[in-house]
Amino acid sequence: MSERKGPSAGCIIALATIGLAVMGVVAVLLVVLFGVSDPSSTHGDKIAQIDLEGVITSASVESFLGGGEESMVTRLEEELKRAREDDTVKAVVLRINSPGGEVTAADTIYHHVKMTAEVKPVVVYMDSMAASGGYYVACAANEIIANRTTMTGSIGVIISTMSYHTLFTKLGLESVVFTSGKFKDTLSGGRPMRPEEKELIQSMVNQTYERFLEVVKAGRPKVPEDKLRASLADGRIISGQDALANQLIDANGYLEDAHKRARELAKSPGAEVIRFHKETGLLEALGLMQARSRRQPESIELNLSPSLTPKLQPGLLYLLPPFYAQ
């Protein structure tokens, strides 16, 4: 009668070695394909780069793994908090490439950037565009650097609606609305706006504009208020070169100059630049890779995202340049 034997020690070691090798390959693929990394594994002083990309919005979007939703505001809040609480992070570089966006979303991000700047240096680098709400957020930083060709400025507020009551008249249609008060259907396009409604909406725009001016004055105290109101804060777009000439930023340069300046402010010349990424579990990432492999190649979906073609939603206050507010 033969005796059954278990796997030899050599087989176990070989299997373990193969398993570790596979995990290593998977880890490399995750970093290359999906940008998954763990900045906390880096020893020594660090400069954390955080990116604000696209139209600023509090709306939730499909998350990295396609399972759930993630808000731009929430993501930036978490990343800034992480940078504040990590003692090895000596400074933050916030790279902004945004035309602006929703007022409340921009103000919320501004608040969290301001909180971070009170704990450790924050340097904003303006990429291709940091206009309106993008500039609003930038004013929370300790210093602002922009490329000479960056589009910035556009200090102002806009709200829109669409009037279609004359079309109703031509088609023989009539909008019938029942409200609890005379202002409840303000901005309705089914009828002409009354003078008192225009006055109410304009007062909201003016109030938000004053808040924008407060933010700019707090961040750029050397810029005279009368100059802001007379020219710089009339909604105009200016270049990074003109922004420097008008003291709306501190220097012209490139992203690496922002990294260098952050090291100087942090007094940590050897600090390594790291970027925060959404942490993804191994099983989640493998599931994502498997899901992607099952996609059918027969059809192509063209998605013009709001970050590329932003459109104003009627009734919302925005901080956007005029050519984004069409």
C-alpha atoms as a PDB file:
ATOM      1  CA  MET A   1       0.000   0.000   0.000  1.00  0.00           C
ATOM      2  CA  SER A   2       1.673   3.261  -1.148  1.00  0.00           C
ATOM      3  CA  GLU A   3       1.941   6.324   1.120  1.00  0.00           C
ATOM      4  CA  ARG A   4       0.642   9.657  -0.182  1.00  0.00           C
ATOM      5  CA  LYS A   5       3.066  12.489   0.262  1.00  0.00           C
ATOM      6  CA  GLY A   6       2.332  16.236   0.388  1.00  0.00           C
ATOM      7  CA  PRO A   7       4.103  18.808  -1.734  1.00  0.00           C
ATOM      8  CA  SER A   8       7.794  19.079  -1.076  1.00  0.00           C
ATOM      9  CA  ALA A   9       9.381  22.148   0.454  1.00  0.00           C
ATOM     10  CA  GLY A  10      10.957  22.912  -2.907  1.00  0.00           C
ATOM     11  CA  CYS A  11       7.555  22.993  -4.611  1.00  0.00           C
ATOM     12  CA  ILE A  12       6.149  25.309  -1.943  1.00  0.00           C
ATOM     13  CA  ILE A  13       9.072  27.701  -2.298  1.00  0.00           C
ATOM     14  CA  ALA A  14       8.742  27.633  -6.083  1.00  0.00           C
ATOM     15  CA  LEU A  15       5.002  28.385  -5.898  1.00  0.00           C
ATOM     16  CA  ALA A  16       5.587  31.191  -3.407  1.00  0.00           C
ATOM     17  CA  THR A  17       8.261  32.688  -5.640  1.00  0.00           C
ATOM     18  CA  ILE A  18       5.950  32.558  -8.659  1.00  0.00           C
ATOM     19  CA  GLY A  19       3.146  34.153  -6.615  1.00  0.00           C
ATOM     20  CA  LEU A  20       5.376  37.014  -5.484  1.00  0.00           C
ATOM     21  CA  ALA A  21       6.568  37.539  -9.040  1.00  0.00           C
ATOM     22  CA  VAL A  22       2.978  37.717 -10.300  1.00  0.00           C
ATOM     23  CA  MET A  23       2.068  40.213  -7.579  1.00  0.00           C
ATOM     24  CA  GLY A  24       5.087  42.298  -8.526  1.00  0.00           C
ATOM     25  CA  VAL A  25       4.058  42.349 -12.185  1.00  0.00           C
ATOM     26  CA  VAL A  26       0.511  43.285 -11.191  1.00  0.00           C
ATOM     27  CA  ALA A  27       1.803  46.105  -8.996  1.00  0.00           C
ATOM     28  CA  VAL A  28       3.875  47.478 -11.870  1.00  0.00           C
ATOM     29  CA  LEU A  29       0.881  47.243 -14.211  1.00  0.00           C
ATOM     30  CA  LEU A  30      -1.307  49.109 -11.715  1.00  0.00           C
ATOM     31  CA  VAL A  31       1.172  51.951 -11.506  1.00  0.00           C
ATOM     32  CA  VAL A  32       1.702  52.121 -15.267  1.00  0.00           C
ATOM     33  CA  LEU A  33      -1.920  51.686 -16.342  1.00  0.00           C
ATOM     34  CA  PHE A  34      -3.824  53.340 -13.520  1.00  0.00           C
ATOM     35  CA  GLY A  35      -1.385  55.518 -11.627  1.00  0.00           C
ATOM     36  CA  VAL A  36      -1.892  53.600  -8.371  1.00  0.00           C
ATOM     37  CA  SER A  37       0.795  54.433  -5.864  1.00  0.00           C
ATOM     38  CA  ASP A  38       1.378  54.873  -2.164  1.00  0.00           C
ATOM     39  CA  PRO A  39       3.163  58.191  -1.486  1.00  0.00           C
ATOM     40  CA  SER A  40       3.372  57.325   2.220  1.00  0.00           C
ATOM     41  CA  SER A  41       5.917  54.650   1.316  1.00  0.00           C
ATOM     42  CA  THR A  42       8.383  57.382   0.309  1.00  0.00           C
ATOM     43  CA  HIS A  43      10.723  58.210   3.169  1.00  0.00           C
ATOM     44  CA  GLY A  44      12.008  61.676   3.937  1.00  0.00           C
ATOM     45  CA  ASP A  45      10.541  65.126   3.316  1.00  0.00           C
ATOM     46  CA  LYS A  46       7.984  65.448   0.528  1.00  0.00           C
ATOM     47  CA  ILE A  47       6.294  68.106  -1.577  1.00  0.00           C
ATOM     48  CA  ALA A  48       2.748  66.972  -2.387  1.00  0.00           C
ATOM     49  CA  GLN A  49       1.427  67.932  -5.815  1.00  0.00           C
ATOM     50  CA  ILE A  50      -2.356  68.057  -6.021  1.00  0.00           C
ATOM     51  CA  ASP A  51      -4.146  68.652  -9.321  1.00  0.00           C
ATOM     52  CA  LEU A  52      -7.332  70.637  -9.916  1.00  0.00           C
ATOM     53  CA  GLU A  53      -8.330  69.788 -13.475  1.00  0.00           C
ATOM     54  CA  GLY A  54     -11.465  70.761 -15.409  1.00  0.00           C
ATOM     55  CA  VAL A  55     -14.625  72.666 -14.601  1.00  0.00           C
ATOM     56  CA  ILE A  56     -15.063  73.127 -10.855  1.00  0.00           C
ATOM     57  CA  THR A  57     -18.224  71.378  -9.746  1.00  0.00           C
ATOM     58  CA  SER A  58     -19.728  69.739  -6.700  1.00  0.00           C
ATOM     59  CA  ALA A  59     -21.553  67.259  -8.912  1.00  0.00           C
ATOM     60  CA  SER A  60     -20.627  63.618  -8.477  1.00  0.00           C
ATOM     61  CA  VAL A  61     -18.980  61.826 -11.372  1.00  0.00           C
ATOM     62  CA  GLU A  62     -18.292  58.172 -12.113  1.00  0.00           C
ATOM     63  CA  SER A  63     -15.480  57.033  -9.881  1.00  0.00           C
ATOM     64  CA  PHE A  64     -12.168  55.520 -10.960  1.00  0.00           C
ATOM     65  CA  LEU A  65     -13.468  51.989 -10.594  1.00  0.00           C
ATOM     66  CA  GLY A  66     -16.880  52.692 -12.069  1.00  0.00           C
ATOM     67  CA  GLY A  67     -18.544  51.613  -8.839  1.00  0.00           C
ATOM     68  CA  GLY A  68     -20.016  54.619  -7.072  1.00  0.00           C
ATOM     69  CA  GLU A  69     -19.609  58.326  -7.420  1.00  0.00           C
ATOM     70  CA  GLU A  70     -16.920  60.806  -6.514  1.00  0.00           C
ATOM     71  CA  SER A  71     -17.110  64.577  -6.225  1.00  0.00           C
ATOM     72  CA  MET A  72     -14.257  66.871  -7.271  1.00  0.00           C
ATOM     73  CA  VAL A  73     -14.804  68.886  -4.094  1.00  0.00           C
ATOM     74  CA  THR A  74     -14.686  65.765  -1.918  1.00  0.00           C
ATOM     75  CA  ARG A  75     -11.557  64.455  -3.623  1.00  0.00           C
ATOM     76  CA  LEU A  76      -9.649  67.718  -3.219  1.00  0.00           C
ATOM     77  CA  GLU A  77     -10.834  68.072   0.363  1.00  0.00           C
ATOM     78  CA  GLU A  78      -9.505  64.590   1.178  1.00  0.00           C
ATOM     79  CA  GLU A  79      -6.187  65.140  -0.596  1.00  0.00           C
ATOM     80  CA  LEU A  80      -5.597  68.505   1.068  1.00  0.00           C
ATOM     81  CA  LYS A  81      -6.456  67.063   4.473  1.00  0.00           C
ATOM     82  CA  ARG A  82      -4.069  64.197   3.848  1.00  0.00           C
ATOM     83  CA  ALA A  83      -1.314  66.672   2.969  1.00  0.00           C
ATOM     84  CA  ARG A  84      -2.018  68.736   6.091  1.00  0.00           C
ATOM     85  CA  GLU A  85      -1.901  65.763   8.434  1.00  0.00           C
ATOM     86  CA  ASP A  86       1.174  64.087   6.930  1.00  0.00           C
ATOM     87  CA  ASP A  87       4.171  65.418   8.847  1.00  0.00           C
ATOM     88  CA  THR A  88       6.534  64.333   6.070  1.00  0.00           C
ATOM     89  CA  VAL A  89       4.717  66.605   3.596  1.00  0.00           C
ATOM     90  CA  LYS A  90       6.438  69.940   4.032  1.00  0.00           C
ATOM     91  CA  ALA A  91       4.582  71.915   1.352  1.00  0.00           C
ATOM     92  CA  VAL A  92       1.890  71.573  -1.305  1.00  0.00           C
ATOM     93  CA  VAL A  93       1.919  72.498  -4.984  1.00  0.00           C
ATOM     94  CA  LEU A  94      -1.630  72.894  -6.272  1.00  0.00           C
ATOM     95  CA  ARG A  95      -1.630  72.700 -10.068  1.00  0.00           C
ATOM     96  CA  ILE A  96      -4.727  74.391 -11.471  1.00  0.00           C
ATOM     97  CA  ASN A  97      -5.910  73.870 -15.038  1.00  0.00           C
ATOM     98  CA  SER A  98      -9.502  75.069 -14.933  1.00  0.00           C
ATOM     99  CA  PRO A  99     -11.756  77.722 -16.470  1.00  0.00           C
ATOM    100  CA  GLY A 100     -13.675  77.977 -13.192  1.00  0.00           C
ATOM    101  CA  GLY A 101     -17.117  76.650 -12.419  1.00  0.00           C
ATOM    102  CA  GLU A 102     -19.771  76.678  -9.742  1.00  0.00           C
ATOM    103  CA  VAL A 103     -19.532  79.402  -7.104  1.00  0.00           C
ATOM    104  CA  THR A 104     -20.123  77.267  -4.024  1.00  0.00           C
ATOM    105  CA  ALA A 105     -17.803  74.499  -5.213  1.00  0.00           C
ATOM    106  CA  ALA A 106     -15.012  77.010  -5.873  1.00  0.00           C
ATOM    107  CA  ASP A 107     -15.533  78.668  -2.488  1.00  0.00           C
ATOM    108  CA  THR A 108     -15.457  75.302  -0.697  1.00  0.00           C
ATOM    109  CA  ILE A 109     -12.183  74.289  -2.365  1.00  0.00           C
ATOM    110  CA  TYR A 110     -10.793  77.757  -1.610  1.00  0.00           C
ATOM    111  CA  HIS A 111     -11.633  77.197   2.059  1.00  0.00           C
ATOM    112  CA  HIS A 112      -9.734  73.906   2.226  1.00  0.00           C
ATOM    113  CA  VAL A 113      -6.732  75.338   0.371  1.00  0.00           C
ATOM    114  CA  LYS A 114      -6.735  78.239   2.841  1.00  0.00           C
ATOM    115  CA  MET A 115      -6.801  75.810   5.778  1.00  0.00           C
ATOM    116  CA  THR A 116      -3.808  74.000   4.317  1.00  0.00           C
ATOM    117  CA  ALA A 117      -1.891  77.232   3.667  1.00  0.00           C
ATOM    118  CA  GLU A 118      -2.254  78.120   7.358  1.00  0.00           C
ATOM    119  CA  VAL A 119      -0.461  74.890   8.315  1.00  0.00           C
ATOM    120  CA  LYS A 120       2.226  74.585   5.630  1.00  0.00           C
ATOM    121  CA  PRO A 121       3.217  76.462   2.444  1.00  0.00           C
ATOM    122  CA  VAL A 122       0.934  76.131  -0.564  1.00  0.00           C
ATOM    123  CA  VAL A 123       2.170  77.219  -3.991  1.00  0.00           C
ATOM    124  CA  VAL A 124      -0.302  77.356  -6.862  1.00  0.00           C
ATOM    125  CA  TYR A 125       0.927  76.659 -10.362  1.00  0.00           C
ATOM    126  CA  MET A 126      -1.425  77.900 -13.079  1.00  0.00           C
ATOM    127  CA  ASP A 127      -1.305  75.661 -16.116  1.00  0.00           C
ATOM    128  CA  SER A 128      -2.989  76.486 -19.450  1.00  0.00           C
ATOM    129  CA  MET A 129      -5.921  78.159 -17.714  1.00  0.00           C
ATOM    130  CA  ALA A 130      -6.780  79.261 -14.192  1.00  0.00           C
ATOM    131  CA  ALA A 131      -9.555  81.747 -14.805  1.00  0.00           C
ATOM    132  CA  SER A 132     -12.531  82.953 -12.787  1.00  0.00           C
ATOM    133  CA  GLY A 133     -13.214  80.184 -10.239  1.00  0.00           C
ATOM    134  CA  GLY A 134      -9.742  78.805 -10.937  1.00  0.00           C
ATOM    135  CA  TYR A 135      -8.231  82.146  -9.927  1.00  0.00           C
ATOM    136  CA  TYR A 136     -10.652  82.304  -6.980  1.00  0.00           C
ATOM    137  CA  VAL A 137      -9.165  79.076  -5.605  1.00  0.00           C
ATOM    138  CA  ALA A 138      -5.603  80.229  -6.341  1.00  0.00           C
ATOM    139  CA  CYS A 139      -6.013  83.259  -4.079  1.00  0.00           C
ATOM    140  CA  ALA A 140      -5.944  80.949  -1.035  1.00  0.00           C
ATOM    141  CA  ALA A 141      -2.314  79.976  -1.678  1.00  0.00           C
ATOM    142  CA  ASN A 142       0.781  81.532  -0.147  1.00  0.00           C
ATOM    143  CA  GLU A 143       2.224  82.179  -3.612  1.00  0.00           C
ATOM    144  CA  ILE A 144       1.040  81.898  -7.215  1.00  0.00           C
ATOM    145  CA  ILE A 145       3.197  81.035 -10.223  1.00  0.00           C
ATOM    146  CA  ALA A 146       1.855  81.013 -13.776  1.00  0.00           C
ATOM    147  CA  ASN A 147       3.205  80.430 -17.236  1.00  0.00           C
ATOM    148  CA  ARG A 148       3.521  83.626 -19.254  1.00  0.00           C
ATOM    149  CA  THR A 149       0.922  82.210 -21.671  1.00  0.00           C
ATOM    150  CA  THR A 150      -1.561  81.077 -18.999  1.00  0.00           C
ATOM    151  CA  MET A 151      -5.092  82.422 -19.378  1.00  0.00           C
ATOM    152  CA  THR A 152      -6.253  83.804 -16.051  1.00  0.00           C
ATOM    153  CA  GLY A 153      -8.295  86.630 -14.565  1.00  0.00           C
ATOM    154  CA  SER A 154     -11.969  86.675 -15.546  1.00  0.00           C
ATOM    155  CA  ILE A 155     -12.876  87.951 -12.080  1.00  0.00           C
ATOM    156  CA  GLY A 156     -16.645  88.058 -12.168  1.00  0.00           C
ATOM    157  CA  VAL A 157     -19.929  86.198 -11.749  1.00  0.00           C
ATOM    158  CA  ILE A 158     -22.544  85.042 -14.243  1.00  0.00           C
ATOM    159  CA  ILE A 159     -26.000  83.472 -14.102  1.00  0.00           C
ATOM    160  CA  SER A 160     -28.127  82.587 -17.114  1.00  0.00           C
ATOM    161  CA  THR A 161     -31.576  81.556 -18.220  1.00  0.00           C
ATOM    162  CA  MET A 162     -33.336  81.018 -21.531  1.00  0.00           C
ATOM    163  CA  SER A 163     -36.366  82.982 -22.668  1.00  0.00           C
ATOM    164  CA  TYR A 164     -38.731  81.159 -24.995  1.00  0.00           C
ATOM    165  CA  HIS A 165     -42.072  82.856 -24.340  1.00  0.00           C
ATOM    166  CA  THR A 166     -42.092  84.553 -27.754  1.00  0.00           C
ATOM    167  CA  LEU A 167     -41.729  81.141 -29.390  1.00  0.00           C
ATOM    168  CA  PHE A 168     -44.719  79.940 -27.362  1.00  0.00           C
ATOM    169  CA  THR A 169     -46.725  82.845 -28.753  1.00  0.00           C
ATOM    170  CA  LYS A 170     -45.832  81.954 -32.333  1.00  0.00           C
ATOM    171  CA  LEU A 171     -46.778  78.330 -31.783  1.00  0.00           C
ATOM    172  CA  GLY A 172     -49.973  79.164 -29.957  1.00  0.00           C
ATOM    173  CA  LEU A 173     -48.724  77.672 -26.688  1.00  0.00           C
ATOM    174  CA  GLU A 174     -49.049  79.069 -23.195  1.00  0.00           C
ATOM    175  CA  SER A 175     -47.112  78.253 -20.035  1.00  0.00           C
ATOM    176  CA  VAL A 176     -49.433  77.763 -17.054  1.00  0.00           C
ATOM    177  CA  VAL A 177     -47.657  77.757 -13.676  1.00  0.00           C
ATOM    178  CA  PHE A 178     -49.074  77.786 -10.138  1.00  0.00           C
ATOM    179  CA  THR A 179     -46.786  79.190  -7.455  1.00  0.00           C
ATOM    180  CA  SER A 180     -46.949  80.003  -3.757  1.00  0.00           C
ATOM    181  CA  GLY A 181     -45.290  83.383  -4.268  1.00  0.00           C
ATOM    182  CA  LYS A 182     -44.535  85.825  -7.044  1.00  0.00           C
ATOM    183  CA  PHE A 183     -40.801  85.004  -7.076  1.00  0.00           C
ATOM    184  CA  LYS A 184     -41.157  81.227  -7.083  1.00  0.00           C
ATOM    185  CA  ASP A 185     -40.893  80.903 -10.869  1.00  0.00           C
ATOM    186  CA  THR A 186     -38.198  83.531 -11.318  1.00  0.00           C
ATOM    187  CA  LEU A 187     -35.957  82.729 -14.317  1.00  0.00           C
ATOM    188  CA  SER A 188     -38.770  80.824 -15.986  1.00  0.00           C
ATOM    189  CA  GLY A 189     -38.440  81.212 -19.738  1.00  0.00           C
ATOM    190  CA  GLY A 190     -42.155  80.821 -20.309  1.00  0.00           C
ATOM    191  CA  ARG A 191     -42.864  84.496 -19.632  1.00  0.00           C
ATOM    192  CA  PRO A 192     -41.024  87.848 -19.614  1.00  0.00           C
ATOM    193  CA  MET A 193     -39.098  88.655 -16.438  1.00  0.00           C
ATOM    194  CA  ARG A 194     -40.579  91.364 -14.263  1.00  0.00           C
ATOM    195  CA  PRO A 195     -38.376  94.343 -13.216  1.00  0.00           C
ATOM    196  CA  GLU A 196     -38.370  93.285  -9.561  1.00  0.00           C
ATOM    197  CA  GLU A 197     -37.155  89.810 -10.570  1.00  0.00           C
ATOM    198  CA  LYS A 198     -34.261  91.265 -12.567  1.00  0.00           C
ATOM    199  CA  GLU A 199     -33.364  93.400  -9.573  1.00  0.00           C
ATOM    200  CA  LEU A 200     -33.408  90.361  -7.276  1.00  0.00           C
ATOM    201  CA  ILE A 201     -31.177  88.258  -9.535  1.00  0.00           C
ATOM    202  CA  GLN A 202     -28.776  91.144 -10.115  1.00  0.00           C
ATOM    203  CA  SER A 203     -28.476  91.637  -6.357  1.00  0.00           C
ATOM    204  CA  MET A 204     -27.481  87.961  -5.989  1.00  0.00           C
ATOM    205  CA  VAL A 205     -24.844  88.357  -8.697  1.00  0.00           C
ATOM    206  CA  ASN A 206     -23.517  91.526  -7.050  1.00  0.00           C
ATOM    207  CA  GLN A 207     -23.378  89.856  -3.650  1.00  0.00           C
ATOM    208  CA  THR A 208     -21.358  86.953  -5.021  1.00  0.00           C
ATOM    209  CA  TYR A 209     -19.122  89.374  -6.912  1.00  0.00           C
ATOM    210  CA  GLU A 210     -18.348  91.209  -3.667  1.00  0.00           C
ATOM    211  CA  ARG A 211     -17.347  87.893  -2.114  1.00  0.00           C
ATOM    212  CA  PHE A 212     -15.017  87.272  -5.074  1.00  0.00           C
ATOM    213  CA  LEU A 213     -13.431  90.695  -4.517  1.00  0.00           C
ATOM    214  CA  GLU A 214     -12.959  89.888  -0.818  1.00  0.00           C
ATOM    215  CA  VAL A 215     -11.117  86.702  -1.776  1.00  0.00           C
ATOM    216  CA  VAL A 216      -8.866  88.539  -4.250  1.00  0.00           C
ATOM    217  CA  LYS A 217      -8.123  91.366  -1.811  1.00  0.00           C
ATOM    218  CA  ALA A 218      -7.243  88.882   0.935  1.00  0.00           C
ATOM    219  CA  GLY A 219      -4.911  86.960  -1.352  1.00  0.00           C
ATOM    220  CA  ARG A 220      -3.455  89.919  -3.229  1.00  0.00           C
ATOM    221  CA  PRO A 221      -3.396  92.814  -0.719  1.00  0.00           C
ATOM    222  CA  LYS A 222      -0.984  94.885  -2.821  1.00  0.00           C
ATOM    223  CA  VAL A 223      -3.526  95.294  -5.635  1.00  0.00           C
ATOM    224  CA  PRO A 224      -5.507  98.530  -5.089  1.00  0.00           C
ATOM    225  CA  GLU A 225      -9.248  97.943  -4.746  1.00  0.00           C
ATOM    226  CA  ASP A 226     -10.104 100.793  -7.112  1.00  0.00           C
ATOM    227  CA  LYS A 227      -7.899  99.201  -9.775  1.00  0.00           C
ATOM    228  CA  LEU A 228      -9.672  95.890  -9.266  1.00  0.00           C
ATOM    229  CA  ARG A 229     -13.117  97.391  -9.686  1.00  0.00           C
ATOM    230  CA  ALA A 230     -12.161  99.691 -12.555  1.00  0.00           C
ATOM    231  CA  SER A 231     -10.419  97.163 -14.769  1.00  0.00           C
ATOM    232  CA  LEU A 232      -8.973  93.881 -13.489  1.00  0.00           C
ATOM    233  CA  ALA A 233     -12.240  92.632 -11.985  1.00  0.00           C
ATOM    234  CA  ASP A 234     -14.549  93.425 -14.886  1.00  0.00           C
ATOM    235  CA  GLY A 235     -14.507  89.846 -16.193  1.00  0.00           C
ATOM    236  CA  ARG A 236     -11.643  90.257 -18.648  1.00  0.00           C
ATOM    237  CA  ILE A 237      -9.225  87.442 -19.444  1.00  0.00           C
ATOM    238  CA  ILE A 238      -5.526  88.266 -19.130  1.00  0.00           C
ATOM    239  CA  SER A 239      -2.290  86.372 -19.749  1.00  0.00           C
ATOM    240  CA  GLY A 240       0.077  85.163 -17.087  1.00  0.00           C
ATOM    241  CA  GLN A 241       2.487  87.875 -18.186  1.00  0.00           C
ATOM    242  CA  ASP A 242      -0.113  90.604 -17.637  1.00  0.00           C
ATOM    243  CA  ALA A 243      -1.205  88.997 -14.372  1.00  0.00           C
ATOM    244  CA  LEU A 244       2.343  89.400 -13.065  1.00  0.00           C
ATOM    245  CA  ALA A 245       2.515  93.016 -14.242  1.00  0.00           C
ATOM    246  CA  ASN A 246      -0.719  93.715 -12.328  1.00  0.00           C
ATOM    247  CA  GLN A 247       0.417  91.804  -9.189  1.00  0.00           C
ATOM    248  CA  LEU A 248      -2.322  89.170  -9.475  1.00  0.00           C
ATOM    249  CA  ILE A 249       0.409  86.505  -9.261  1.00  0.00           C
ATOM    250  CA  ASP A 250       3.913  86.356  -7.815  1.00  0.00           C
ATOM    251  CA  ALA A 251       6.025  84.998 -10.679  1.00  0.00           C
ATOM    252  CA  ASN A 252       6.068  83.579 -14.175  1.00  0.00           C
ATOM    253  CA  GLY A 253       7.518  80.121 -14.575  1.00  0.00           C
ATOM    254  CA  TYR A 254       6.907  76.439 -15.035  1.00  0.00           C
ATOM    255  CA  LEU A 255       5.728  73.586 -12.837  1.00  0.00           C
ATOM    256  CA  GLU A 256       9.271  72.751 -11.760  1.00  0.00           C
ATOM    257  CA  ASP A 257       9.660  76.376 -10.613  1.00  0.00           C
ATOM    258  CA  ALA A 258       6.624  75.880  -8.374  1.00  0.00           C
ATOM    259  CA  HIS A 259       8.226  72.745  -6.953  1.00  0.00           C
ATOM    260  CA  LYS A 260      11.457  74.658  -6.335  1.00  0.00           C
ATOM    261  CA  ARG A 261       9.631  77.522  -4.650  1.00  0.00           C
ATOM    262  CA  ALA A 262       7.687  75.108  -2.444  1.00  0.00           C
ATOM    263  CA  ARG A 263      10.975  73.557  -1.298  1.00  0.00           C
ATOM    264  CA  GLU A 264      12.318  77.036  -0.499  1.00  0.00           C
ATOM    265  CA  LEU A 265       9.262  78.040   1.503  1.00  0.00           C
ATOM    266  CA  ALA A 266       9.339  74.726   3.355  1.00  0.00           C
ATOM    267  CA  LYS A 267      13.101  75.068   3.932  1.00  0.00           C
ATOM    268  CA  SER A 268      13.502  71.535   2.657  1.00  0.00           C
ATOM    269  CA  PRO A 269      15.761  71.616  -0.429  1.00  0.00           C
ATOM    270  CA  GLY A 270      15.910  67.843  -0.721  1.00  0.00           C
ATOM    271  CA  ALA A 271      12.168  67.191  -0.541  1.00  0.00           C
ATOM    272  CA  GLU A 272      10.842  64.734  -3.105  1.00  0.00           C
ATOM    273  CA  VAL A 273       7.784  65.653  -5.181  1.00  0.00           C
ATOM    274  CA  ILE A 274       5.009  63.086  -4.846  1.00  0.00           C
ATOM    275  CA  ARG A 275       1.450  62.983  -6.156  1.00  0.00           C
ATOM    276  CA  PHE A 276      -1.561  61.716  -4.303  1.00  0.00           C
ATOM    277  CA  HIS A 277      -3.679  59.127  -6.100  1.00  0.00           C
ATOM    278  CA  LYS A 278      -6.887  57.420  -5.167  1.00  0.00           C
ATOM    279  CA  GLU A 279      -5.917  54.326  -3.230  1.00  0.00           C
ATOM    280  CA  THR A 280      -7.074  51.172  -5.006  1.00  0.00           C
ATOM    281  CA  GLY A 281      -7.113  47.693  -3.526  1.00  0.00           C
ATOM    282  CA  LEU A 282      -5.471  44.834  -5.399  1.00  0.00           C
ATOM    283  CA  LEU A 283      -8.709  42.884  -5.816  1.00  0.00           C
ATOM    284  CA  GLU A 284     -10.550  46.012  -7.007  1.00  0.00           C
ATOM    285  CA  ALA A 285      -7.858  46.779  -9.563  1.00  0.00           C
ATOM    286  CA  LEU A 286      -7.828  43.187 -10.808  1.00  0.00           C
ATOM    287  CA  GLY A 287     -11.604  43.331 -11.137  1.00  0.00           C
ATOM    288  CA  LEU A 288     -11.292  46.539 -13.117  1.00  0.00           C
ATOM    289  CA  MET A 289      -8.734  44.967 -15.448  1.00  0.00           C
ATOM    290  CA  GLN A 290     -11.016  41.980 -15.957  1.00  0.00           C
ATOM    291  CA  ALA A 291     -13.992  44.248 -16.651  1.00  0.00           C
ATOM    292  CA  ARG A 292     -11.989  46.205 -19.196  1.00  0.00           C
ATOM    293  CA  SER A 293     -10.924  43.007 -20.944  1.00  0.00           C
ATOM    294  CA  ARG A 294     -14.598  42.091 -21.460  1.00  0.00           C
ATOM    295  CA  ARG A 295     -15.466  45.312 -23.248  1.00  0.00           C
ATOM    296  CA  GLN A 296     -16.773  44.877 -26.776  1.00  0.00           C
ATOM    297  CA  PRO A 297     -14.673  46.674 -29.425  1.00  0.00           C
ATOM    298  CA  GLU A 298     -17.475  46.811 -31.983  1.00  0.00           C
ATOM    299  CA  SER A 299     -18.736  50.250 -30.972  1.00  0.00           C
ATOM    300  CA  ILE A 300     -17.030  53.524 -30.130  1.00  0.00           C
ATOM    301  CA  GLU A 301     -18.554  55.915 -27.609  1.00  0.00           C
ATOM    302  CA  LEU A 302     -17.692  59.587 -27.902  1.00  0.00           C
ATOM    303  CA  ASN A 303     -18.176  61.347 -24.578  1.00  0.00           C
ATOM    304  CA  LEU A 304     -17.941  65.133 -24.634  1.00  0.00           C
ATOM    305  CA  SER A 305     -17.499  65.624 -20.913  1.00  0.00           C
ATOM    306  CA  PRO A 306     -18.471  68.831 -19.087  1.00  0.00           C
ATOM    307  CA  SER A 307     -14.783  69.536 -18.514  1.00  0.00           C
ATOM    308  CA  LEU A 308     -14.378  69.968 -22.275  1.00  0.00           C
ATOM    309  CA  THR A 309     -17.709  71.523 -23.167  1.00  0.00           C
ATOM    310  CA  PRO A 310     -19.129  73.137 -20.022  1.00  0.00           C
ATOM    311  CA  LYS A 311     -22.666  74.424 -20.267  1.00  0.00           C
ATOM    312  CA  LEU A 312     -24.355  76.731 -17.832  1.00  0.00           C
ATOM    313  CA  GLN A 313     -27.310  75.238 -16.028  1.00  0.00           C
ATOM    314  CA  PRO A 314     -30.129  77.799 -15.745  1.00  0.00           C
ATOM    315  CA  GLY A 315     -30.437  79.319 -12.293  1.00  0.00           C
ATOM    316  CA  LEU A 316     -26.909  78.537 -11.024  1.00  0.00           C
ATOM    317  CA  LEU A 317     -24.283  81.156 -10.233  1.00  0.00           C
ATOM    318  CA  TYR A 318     -20.987  80.525 -12.020  1.00  0.00           C
ATOM    319  CA  LEU A 319     -17.432  81.796 -12.035  1.00  0.00           C
ATOM    320  CA  LEU A 320     -16.602  81.191 -15.687  1.00  0.00           C
ATOM    321  CA  PRO A 321     -15.000  83.135 -18.560  1.00  0.00           C
ATOM    322  CA  PRO A 322     -17.419  84.631 -21.115  1.00  0.00           C
ATOM    323  CA  PHE A 323     -16.547  82.132 -23.861  1.00  0.00           C
ATOM    324  CA  TYR A 324     -17.443  79.258 -21.488  1.00  0.00           C
ATOM    325  CA  ALA A 325     -20.732  80.909 -20.600  1.00  0.00           C
ATOM    326  CA  GLN A 326     -22.375  80.676 -23.995  1.00  0.00           C
END
